[in-house]
Amino acid sequence: MSDNVIVLMIGISTALGAFGLWALIWGVKTGQFDDTEKFLDGARFDGDEELKDAVMMEQKKKEALKRKKEKAKEREKNYMPVD
């Protein structure tokens, strides 16, 4: 390889590395990697009962959403335009 190609490859790899480092620092400064709910949920749902309650609440939410979608489909199915 010629010297020009090696210099070009080193220059581009250095620029990409600097961009990656800048993106990482920017992400840390702006809080992109913060997960505050993880620690709060860990403290809130510490016991077995609380965990079971949380799972039950999630299931209820999913079931309610499913029923809501079914009702919407039923209304759409029974729709009759005004004459």
PDB file of N, CA and C in Angstrom:
ATOM      1  N   MET A   1       0.840  -1.182   0.000  1.00  0.00           N
ATOM      2  CA  MET A   1       0.000   0.000   0.000  1.00  0.00           C
ATOM      3  C   MET A   1       0.883   1.243   0.000  1.00  0.00           C
ATOM      4  N   SER A   2       0.316   2.265  -0.552  1.00  0.00           N
ATOM      5  CA  SER A   2       1.096   3.498  -0.582  1.00  0.00           C
ATOM      6  C   SER A   2       0.914   4.251   0.738  1.00  0.00           C
ATOM      7  N   ASP A   3       1.783   5.181   0.959  1.00  0.00           N
ATOM      8  CA  ASP A   3       1.739   5.961   2.194  1.00  0.00           C
ATOM      9  C   ASP A   3       0.466   6.802   2.283  1.00  0.00           C
ATOM     10  N   ASN A   4      -0.019   7.251   1.141  1.00  0.00           N
ATOM     11  CA  ASN A   4      -1.235   8.073   1.137  1.00  0.00           C
ATOM     12  C   ASN A   4      -2.443   7.290   1.665  1.00  0.00           C
ATOM     13  N   VAL A   5      -2.556   6.037   1.283  1.00  0.00           N
ATOM     14  CA  VAL A   5      -3.686   5.217   1.711  1.00  0.00           C
ATOM     15  C   VAL A   5      -3.612   4.976   3.219  1.00  0.00           C
ATOM     16  N   ILE A   6      -2.448   4.696   3.732  1.00  0.00           N
ATOM     17  CA  ILE A   6      -2.284   4.450   5.168  1.00  0.00           C
ATOM     18  C   ILE A   6      -2.607   5.710   5.960  1.00  0.00           C
ATOM     19  N   VAL A   7      -2.145   6.849   5.507  1.00  0.00           N
ATOM     20  CA  VAL A   7      -2.433   8.112   6.188  1.00  0.00           C
ATOM     21  C   VAL A   7      -3.933   8.390   6.157  1.00  0.00           C
ATOM     22  N   LEU A   8      -4.574   8.131   5.029  1.00  0.00           N
ATOM     23  CA  LEU A   8      -6.014   8.330   4.902  1.00  0.00           C
ATOM     24  C   LEU A   8      -6.775   7.402   5.855  1.00  0.00           C
ATOM     25  N   MET A   9      -6.376   6.142   5.932  1.00  0.00           N
ATOM     26  CA  MET A   9      -7.046   5.186   6.823  1.00  0.00           C
ATOM     27  C   MET A   9      -6.876   5.582   8.289  1.00  0.00           C
ATOM     28  N   ILE A  10      -5.686   6.009   8.668  1.00  0.00           N
ATOM     29  CA  ILE A  10      -5.442   6.444  10.053  1.00  0.00           C
ATOM     30  C   ILE A  10      -6.255   7.695  10.362  1.00  0.00           C
ATOM     31  N   GLY A  11      -6.315   8.617   9.434  1.00  0.00           N
ATOM     32  CA  GLY A  11      -7.078   9.847   9.641  1.00  0.00           C
ATOM     33  C   GLY A  11      -8.565   9.580   9.801  1.00  0.00           C
ATOM     34  N   ILE A  12      -9.123   8.740   8.945  1.00  0.00           N
ATOM     35  CA  ILE A  12     -10.553   8.424   9.022  1.00  0.00           C
ATOM     36  C   ILE A  12     -10.868   7.655  10.305  1.00  0.00           C
ATOM     37  N   SER A  13     -10.036   6.686  10.679  1.00  0.00           N
ATOM     38  CA  SER A  13     -10.303   5.916  11.895  1.00  0.00           C
ATOM     39  C   SER A  13     -10.190   6.798  13.141  1.00  0.00           C
ATOM     40  N   THR A  14      -9.250   7.752  13.123  1.00  0.00           N
ATOM     41  CA  THR A  14      -9.126   8.679  14.253  1.00  0.00           C
ATOM     42  C   THR A  14     -10.362   9.576  14.337  1.00  0.00           C
ATOM     43  N   ALA A  15     -10.856  10.050  13.195  1.00  0.00           N
ATOM     44  CA  ALA A  15     -12.055  10.896  13.179  1.00  0.00           C
ATOM     45  C   ALA A  15     -13.274  10.111  13.670  1.00  0.00           C
ATOM     46  N   LEU A  16     -13.429   8.878  13.244  1.00  0.00           N
ATOM     47  CA  LEU A  16     -14.554   8.057  13.699  1.00  0.00           C
ATOM     48  C   LEU A  16     -14.460   7.773  15.196  1.00  0.00           C
ATOM     49  N   GLY A  17     -13.265   7.512  15.667  1.00  0.00           N
ATOM     50  CA  GLY A  17     -13.070   7.281  17.102  1.00  0.00           C
ATOM     51  C   GLY A  17     -13.392   8.517  17.919  1.00  0.00           C
ATOM     52  N   ALA A  18     -12.976   9.678  17.434  1.00  0.00           N
ATOM     53  CA  ALA A  18     -13.272  10.926  18.135  1.00  0.00           C
ATOM     54  C   ALA A  18     -14.766  11.201  18.140  1.00  0.00           C
ATOM     55  N   PHE A  19     -15.439  10.924  17.032  1.00  0.00           N
ATOM     56  CA  PHE A  19     -16.891  11.101  16.976  1.00  0.00           C
ATOM     57  C   PHE A  19     -17.594  10.163  17.957  1.00  0.00           C
ATOM     58  N   GLY A  20     -17.143   8.916  18.035  1.00  0.00           N
ATOM     59  CA  GLY A  20     -17.725   7.969  18.980  1.00  0.00           C
ATOM     60  C   GLY A  20     -17.525   8.410  20.426  1.00  0.00           C
ATOM     61  N   LEU A  21     -16.359   8.907  20.739  1.00  0.00           N
ATOM     62  CA  LEU A  21     -16.086   9.408  22.087  1.00  0.00           C
ATOM     63  C   LEU A  21     -16.947  10.621  22.402  1.00  0.00           C
ATOM     64  N   TRP A  22     -17.081  11.527  21.434  1.00  0.00           N
ATOM     65  CA  TRP A  22     -17.935  12.696  21.626  1.00  0.00           C
ATOM     66  C   TRP A  22     -19.392  12.272  21.865  1.00  0.00           C
ATOM     67  N   ALA A  23     -19.885  11.299  21.103  1.00  0.00           N
ATOM     68  CA  ALA A  23     -21.263  10.832  21.261  1.00  0.00           C
ATOM     69  C   ALA A  23     -21.468  10.193  22.633  1.00  0.00           C
ATOM     70  N   LEU A  24     -20.498   9.446  23.109  1.00  0.00           N
ATOM     71  CA  LEU A  24     -20.594   8.829  24.430  1.00  0.00           C
ATOM     72  C   LEU A  24     -20.632   9.892  25.522  1.00  0.00           C
ATOM     73  N   ILE A  25     -19.752  10.858  25.449  1.00  0.00           N
ATOM     74  CA  ILE A  25     -19.719  11.928  26.454  1.00  0.00           C
ATOM     75  C   ILE A  25     -21.021  12.734  26.418  1.00  0.00           C
ATOM     76  N   TRP A  26     -21.514  13.035  25.215  1.00  0.00           N
ATOM     77  CA  TRP A  26     -22.776  13.754  25.087  1.00  0.00           C
ATOM     78  C   TRP A  26     -23.918  12.959  25.718  1.00  0.00           C
ATOM     79  N   GLY A  27     -23.963  11.657  25.479  1.00  0.00           N
ATOM     80  CA  GLY A  27     -25.016  10.819  26.037  1.00  0.00           C
ATOM     81  C   GLY A  27     -24.977  10.778  27.552  1.00  0.00           C
ATOM     82  N   VAL A  28     -23.799  10.724  28.121  1.00  0.00           N
ATOM     83  CA  VAL A  28     -23.673  10.712  29.578  1.00  0.00           C
ATOM     84  C   VAL A  28     -24.086  12.062  30.161  1.00  0.00           C
ATOM     85  N   LYS A  29     -23.673  13.145  29.533  1.00  0.00           N
ATOM     86  CA  LYS A  29     -24.004  14.483  30.052  1.00  0.00           C
ATOM     87  C   LYS A  29     -25.491  14.789  29.966  1.00  0.00           C
ATOM     88  N   THR A  30     -26.166  14.334  28.918  1.00  0.00           N
ATOM     89  CA  THR A  30     -27.580  14.647  28.743  1.00  0.00           C
ATOM     90  C   THR A  30     -28.495  13.636  29.410  1.00  0.00           C
ATOM     91  N   GLY A  31     -27.941  12.621  30.048  1.00  0.00           N
ATOM     92  CA  GLY A  31     -28.762  11.668  30.793  1.00  0.00           C
ATOM     93  C   GLY A  31     -29.395  10.583  29.944  1.00  0.00           C
ATOM     94  N   GLN A  32     -28.821  10.284  28.808  1.00  0.00           N
ATOM     95  CA  GLN A  32     -29.381   9.261  27.937  1.00  0.00           C
ATOM     96  C   GLN A  32     -29.292   7.863  28.557  1.00  0.00           C
ATOM     97  N   PHE A  33     -28.385   7.659  29.471  1.00  0.00           N
ATOM     98  CA  PHE A  33     -28.183   6.345  30.061  1.00  0.00           C
ATOM     99  C   PHE A  33     -28.788   6.235  31.455  1.00  0.00           C
ATOM    100  N   ASP A  34     -29.474   7.284  31.913  1.00  0.00           N
ATOM    101  CA  ASP A  34     -30.082   7.261  33.238  1.00  0.00           C
ATOM    102  C   ASP A  34     -31.374   6.442  33.205  1.00  0.00           C
ATOM    103  N   ASP A  35     -31.559   5.636  34.222  1.00  0.00           N
ATOM    104  CA  ASP A  35     -32.779   4.836  34.347  1.00  0.00           C
ATOM    105  C   ASP A  35     -33.256   4.959  35.785  1.00  0.00           C
ATOM    106  N   THR A  36     -33.907   6.061  36.077  1.00  0.00           N
ATOM    107  CA  THR A  36     -34.331   6.319  37.453  1.00  0.00           C
ATOM    108  C   THR A  36     -35.450   5.384  37.881  1.00  0.00           C
ATOM    109  N   GLU A  37     -36.305   4.964  36.968  1.00  0.00           N
ATOM    110  CA  GLU A  37     -37.418   4.094  37.340  1.00  0.00           C
ATOM    111  C   GLU A  37     -36.933   2.713  37.785  1.00  0.00           C
ATOM    112  N   LYS A  38     -35.815   2.283  37.290  1.00  0.00           N
ATOM    113  CA  LYS A  38     -35.292   0.966  37.652  1.00  0.00           C
ATOM    114  C   LYS A  38     -35.066   0.885  39.159  1.00  0.00           C
ATOM    115  N   PHE A  39     -34.452   1.893  39.710  1.00  0.00           N
ATOM    116  CA  PHE A  39     -34.159   1.875  41.136  1.00  0.00           C
ATOM    117  C   PHE A  39     -35.408   2.108  41.960  1.00  0.00           C
ATOM    118  N   LEU A  40     -36.294   2.978  41.482  1.00  0.00           N
ATOM    119  CA  LEU A  40     -37.531   3.222  42.215  1.00  0.00           C
ATOM    120  C   LEU A  40     -38.426   1.994  42.223  1.00  0.00           C
ATOM    121  N   ASP A  41     -38.536   1.317  41.093  1.00  0.00           N
ATOM    122  CA  ASP A  41     -39.344   0.106  41.031  1.00  0.00           C
ATOM    123  C   ASP A  41     -38.730  -1.009  41.876  1.00  0.00           C
ATOM    124  N   GLY A  42     -37.404  -1.055  41.920  1.00  0.00           N
ATOM    125  CA  GLY A  42     -36.741  -2.055  42.746  1.00  0.00           C
ATOM    126  C   GLY A  42     -37.048  -1.870  44.216  1.00  0.00           C
ATOM    127  N   ALA A  43     -37.133  -0.637  44.648  1.00  0.00           N
ATOM    128  CA  ALA A  43     -37.463  -0.363  46.050  1.00  0.00           C
ATOM    129  C   ALA A  43     -38.951  -0.532  46.308  1.00  0.00           C
ATOM    130  N   ARG A  44     -39.773  -0.156  45.339  1.00  0.00           N
ATOM    131  CA  ARG A  44     -41.217  -0.216  45.517  1.00  0.00           C
ATOM    132  C   ARG A  44     -41.728  -1.660  45.529  1.00  0.00           C
ATOM    133  N   PHE A  45     -41.227  -2.472  44.630  1.00  0.00           N
ATOM    134  CA  PHE A  45     -41.685  -3.851  44.515  1.00  0.00           C
ATOM    135  C   PHE A  45     -40.655  -4.803  45.109  1.00  0.00           C
ATOM    136  N   ASP A  46     -40.322  -4.552  46.355  1.00  0.00           N
ATOM    137  CA  ASP A  46     -39.263  -5.315  47.000  1.00  0.00           C
ATOM    138  C   ASP A  46     -39.718  -6.712  47.404  1.00  0.00           C
ATOM    139  N   GLY A  47     -40.952  -6.849  47.860  1.00  0.00           N
ATOM    140  CA  GLY A  47     -41.422  -8.138  48.353  1.00  0.00           C
ATOM    141  C   GLY A  47     -42.176  -8.922  47.302  1.00  0.00           C
ATOM    142  N   ASP A  48     -42.510 -10.162  47.641  1.00  0.00           N
ATOM    143  CA  ASP A  48     -43.231 -11.029  46.718  1.00  0.00           C
ATOM    144  C   ASP A  48     -44.641 -10.526  46.452  1.00  0.00           C
ATOM    145  N   GLU A  49     -45.316 -10.058  47.489  1.00  0.00           N
ATOM    146  CA  GLU A  49     -46.684  -9.578  47.326  1.00  0.00           C
ATOM    147  C   GLU A  49     -46.740  -8.365  46.402  1.00  0.00           C
ATOM    148  N   GLU A  50     -45.812  -7.447  46.580  1.00  0.00           N
ATOM    149  CA  GLU A  50     -45.791  -6.267  45.736  1.00  0.00           C
ATOM    150  C   GLU A  50     -45.503  -6.639  44.287  1.00  0.00           C
ATOM    151  N   LEU A  51     -44.622  -7.593  44.087  1.00  0.00           N
ATOM    152  CA  LEU A  51     -44.303  -8.040  42.737  1.00  0.00           C
ATOM    153  C   LEU A  51     -45.510  -8.706  42.096  1.00  0.00           C
ATOM    154  N   LYS A  52     -46.210  -9.535  42.850  1.00  0.00           N
ATOM    155  CA  LYS A  52     -47.415 -10.180  42.329  1.00  0.00           C
ATOM    156  C   LYS A  52     -48.478  -9.144  41.992  1.00  0.00           C
ATOM    157  N   ASP A  53     -48.625  -8.135  42.846  1.00  0.00           N
ATOM    158  CA  ASP A  53     -49.584  -7.071  42.576  1.00  0.00           C
ATOM    159  C   ASP A  53     -49.223  -6.319  41.301  1.00  0.00           C
ATOM    160  N   ALA A  54     -47.942  -6.057  41.107  1.00  0.00           N
ATOM    161  CA  ALA A  54     -47.504  -5.339  39.910  1.00  0.00           C
ATOM    162  C   ALA A  54     -47.791  -6.161  38.653  1.00  0.00           C
ATOM    163  N   VAL A  55     -47.537  -7.460  38.718  1.00  0.00           N
ATOM    164  CA  VAL A  55     -47.810  -8.330  37.574  1.00  0.00           C
ATOM    165  C   VAL A  55     -49.307  -8.371  37.299  1.00  0.00           C
ATOM    166  N   MET A  56     -50.104  -8.453  38.352  1.00  0.00           N
ATOM    167  CA  MET A  56     -51.555  -8.486  38.197  1.00  0.00           C
ATOM    168  C   MET A  56     -52.062  -7.185  37.570  1.00  0.00           C
ATOM    169  N   MET A  57     -51.520  -6.065  37.989  1.00  0.00           N
ATOM    170  CA  MET A  57     -51.941  -4.782  37.430  1.00  0.00           C
ATOM    171  C   MET A  57     -51.579  -4.683  35.945  1.00  0.00           C
ATOM    172  N   GLU A  58     -50.416  -5.186  35.568  1.00  0.00           N
ATOM    173  CA  GLU A  58     -50.028  -5.184  34.160  1.00  0.00           C
ATOM    174  C   GLU A  58     -50.975  -6.053  33.339  1.00  0.00           C
ATOM    175  N   GLN A  59     -51.365  -7.210  33.879  1.00  0.00           N
ATOM    176  CA  GLN A  59     -52.299  -8.082  33.178  1.00  0.00           C
ATOM    177  C   GLN A  59     -53.659  -7.411  33.026  1.00  0.00           C
ATOM    178  N   LYS A  60     -54.110  -6.721  34.062  1.00  0.00           N
ATOM    179  CA  LYS A  60     -55.392  -6.018  33.982  1.00  0.00           C
ATOM    180  C   LYS A  60     -55.349  -4.926  32.924  1.00  0.00           C
ATOM    181  N   LYS A  61     -54.232  -4.219  32.843  1.00  0.00           N
ATOM    182  CA  LYS A  61     -54.101  -3.179  31.833  1.00  0.00           C
ATOM    183  C   LYS A  61     -54.177  -3.774  30.424  1.00  0.00           C
ATOM    184  N   LYS A  62     -53.496  -4.903  30.222  1.00  0.00           N
ATOM    185  CA  LYS A  62     -53.506  -5.544  28.908  1.00  0.00           C
ATOM    186  C   LYS A  62     -54.904  -6.033  28.563  1.00  0.00           C
ATOM    187  N   GLU A  63     -55.599  -6.627  29.538  1.00  0.00           N
ATOM    188  CA  GLU A  63     -56.955  -7.116  29.292  1.00  0.00           C
ATOM    189  C   GLU A  63     -57.905  -5.962  28.981  1.00  0.00           C
ATOM    190  N   ALA A  64     -57.780  -4.859  29.688  1.00  0.00           N
ATOM    191  CA  ALA A  64     -58.641  -3.700  29.439  1.00  0.00           C
ATOM    192  C   ALA A  64     -58.393  -3.141  28.041  1.00  0.00           C
ATOM    193  N   LEU A  65     -57.152  -3.090  27.632  1.00  0.00           N
ATOM    194  CA  LEU A  65     -56.822  -2.609  26.302  1.00  0.00           C
ATOM    195  C   LEU A  65     -57.393  -3.543  25.240  1.00  0.00           C
ATOM    196  N   LYS A  66     -57.302  -4.834  25.493  1.00  0.00           N
ATOM    197  CA  LYS A  66     -57.834  -5.818  24.560  1.00  0.00           C
ATOM    198  C   LYS A  66     -59.349  -5.675  24.436  1.00  0.00           C
ATOM    199  N   ARG A  67     -60.052  -5.501  25.581  1.00  0.00           N
ATOM    200  CA  ARG A  67     -61.502  -5.318  25.542  1.00  0.00           C
ATOM    201  C   ARG A  67     -61.879  -4.042  24.802  1.00  0.00           C
ATOM    202  N   LYS A  68     -61.103  -2.996  25.011  1.00  0.00           N
ATOM    203  CA  LYS A  68     -61.369  -1.735  24.341  1.00  0.00           C
ATOM    204  C   LYS A  68     -61.241  -1.885  22.820  1.00  0.00           C
ATOM    205  N   LYS A  69     -60.224  -2.607  22.383  1.00  0.00           N
ATOM    206  CA  LYS A  69     -60.048  -2.845  20.950  1.00  0.00           C
ATOM    207  C   LYS A  69     -61.181  -3.694  20.393  1.00  0.00           C
ATOM    208  N   GLU A  70     -61.621  -4.705  21.154  1.00  0.00           N
ATOM    209  CA  GLU A  70     -62.717  -5.551  20.706  1.00  0.00           C
ATOM    210  C   GLU A  70     -64.014  -4.749  20.587  1.00  0.00           C
ATOM    211  N   LYS A  71     -64.260  -3.850  21.537  1.00  0.00           N
ATOM    212  CA  LYS A  71     -65.459  -3.012  21.468  1.00  0.00           C
ATOM    213  C   LYS A  71     -65.404  -2.096  20.254  1.00  0.00           C
ATOM    214  N   ALA A  72     -64.226  -1.561  19.971  1.00  0.00           N
ATOM    215  CA  ALA A  72     -64.079  -0.685  18.810  1.00  0.00           C
ATOM    216  C   ALA A  72     -64.331  -1.455  17.523  1.00  0.00           C
ATOM    217  N   LYS A  73     -63.840  -2.679  17.450  1.00  0.00           N
ATOM    218  CA  LYS A  73     -64.076  -3.506  16.266  1.00  0.00           C
ATOM    219  C   LYS A  73     -65.553  -3.842  16.144  1.00  0.00           C
ATOM    220  N   GLU A  74     -66.204  -4.122  17.262  1.00  0.00           N
ATOM    221  CA  GLU A  74     -67.623  -4.443  17.249  1.00  0.00           C
ATOM    222  C   GLU A  74     -68.441  -3.242  16.775  1.00  0.00           C
ATOM    223  N   ARG A  75     -68.103  -2.046  17.271  1.00  0.00           N
ATOM    224  CA  ARG A  75     -68.798  -0.841  16.828  1.00  0.00           C
ATOM    225  C   ARG A  75     -68.582  -0.605  15.342  1.00  0.00           C
ATOM    226  N   GLU A  76     -67.365  -0.858  14.883  1.00  0.00           N
ATOM    227  CA  GLU A  76     -67.067  -0.676  13.474  1.00  0.00           C
ATOM    228  C   GLU A  76     -67.811  -1.691  12.628  1.00  0.00           C
ATOM    229  N   LYS A  77     -67.928  -2.890  13.154  1.00  0.00           N
ATOM    230  CA  LYS A  77     -68.612  -3.968  12.434  1.00  0.00           C
ATOM    231  C   LYS A  77     -70.109  -3.674  12.315  1.00  0.00           C
ATOM    232  N   ASN A  78     -70.703  -3.129  13.351  1.00  0.00           N
ATOM    233  CA  ASN A  78     -72.135  -2.866  13.379  1.00  0.00           C
ATOM    234  C   ASN A  78     -72.497  -1.486  12.836  1.00  0.00           C
ATOM    235  N   TYR A  79     -71.544  -0.775  12.321  1.00  0.00           N
ATOM    236  CA  TYR A  79     -71.784   0.592  11.842  1.00  0.00           C
ATOM    237  C   TYR A  79     -72.678   0.555  10.606  1.00  0.00           C
ATOM    238  N   MET A  80     -73.682   1.403  10.625  1.00  0.00           N
ATOM    239  CA  MET A  80     -74.558   1.556   9.464  1.00  0.00           C
ATOM    240  C   MET A  80     -74.648   3.043   9.149  1.00  0.00           C
ATOM    241  N   PRO A  81     -74.316   3.436   7.935  1.00  0.00           N
ATOM    242  CA  PRO A  81     -74.368   4.859   7.610  1.00  0.00           C
ATOM    243  C   PRO A  81     -75.810   5.382   7.628  1.00  0.00           C
ATOM    244  N   VAL A  82     -75.913   6.659   7.895  1.00  0.00           N
ATOM    245  CA  VAL A  82     -77.230   7.302   7.931  1.00  0.00           C
ATOM    246  C   VAL A  82     -77.748   7.429   6.503  1.00  0.00           C
ATOM    247  N   ASP A  83     -79.032   7.136   6.335  1.00  0.00           N
ATOM    248  CA  ASP A  83     -79.637   7.238   4.987  1.00  0.00           C
ATOM    249  C   ASP A  83     -79.971   8.652   4.642  1.00  0.00           C
TER     250      ASP A  83
END
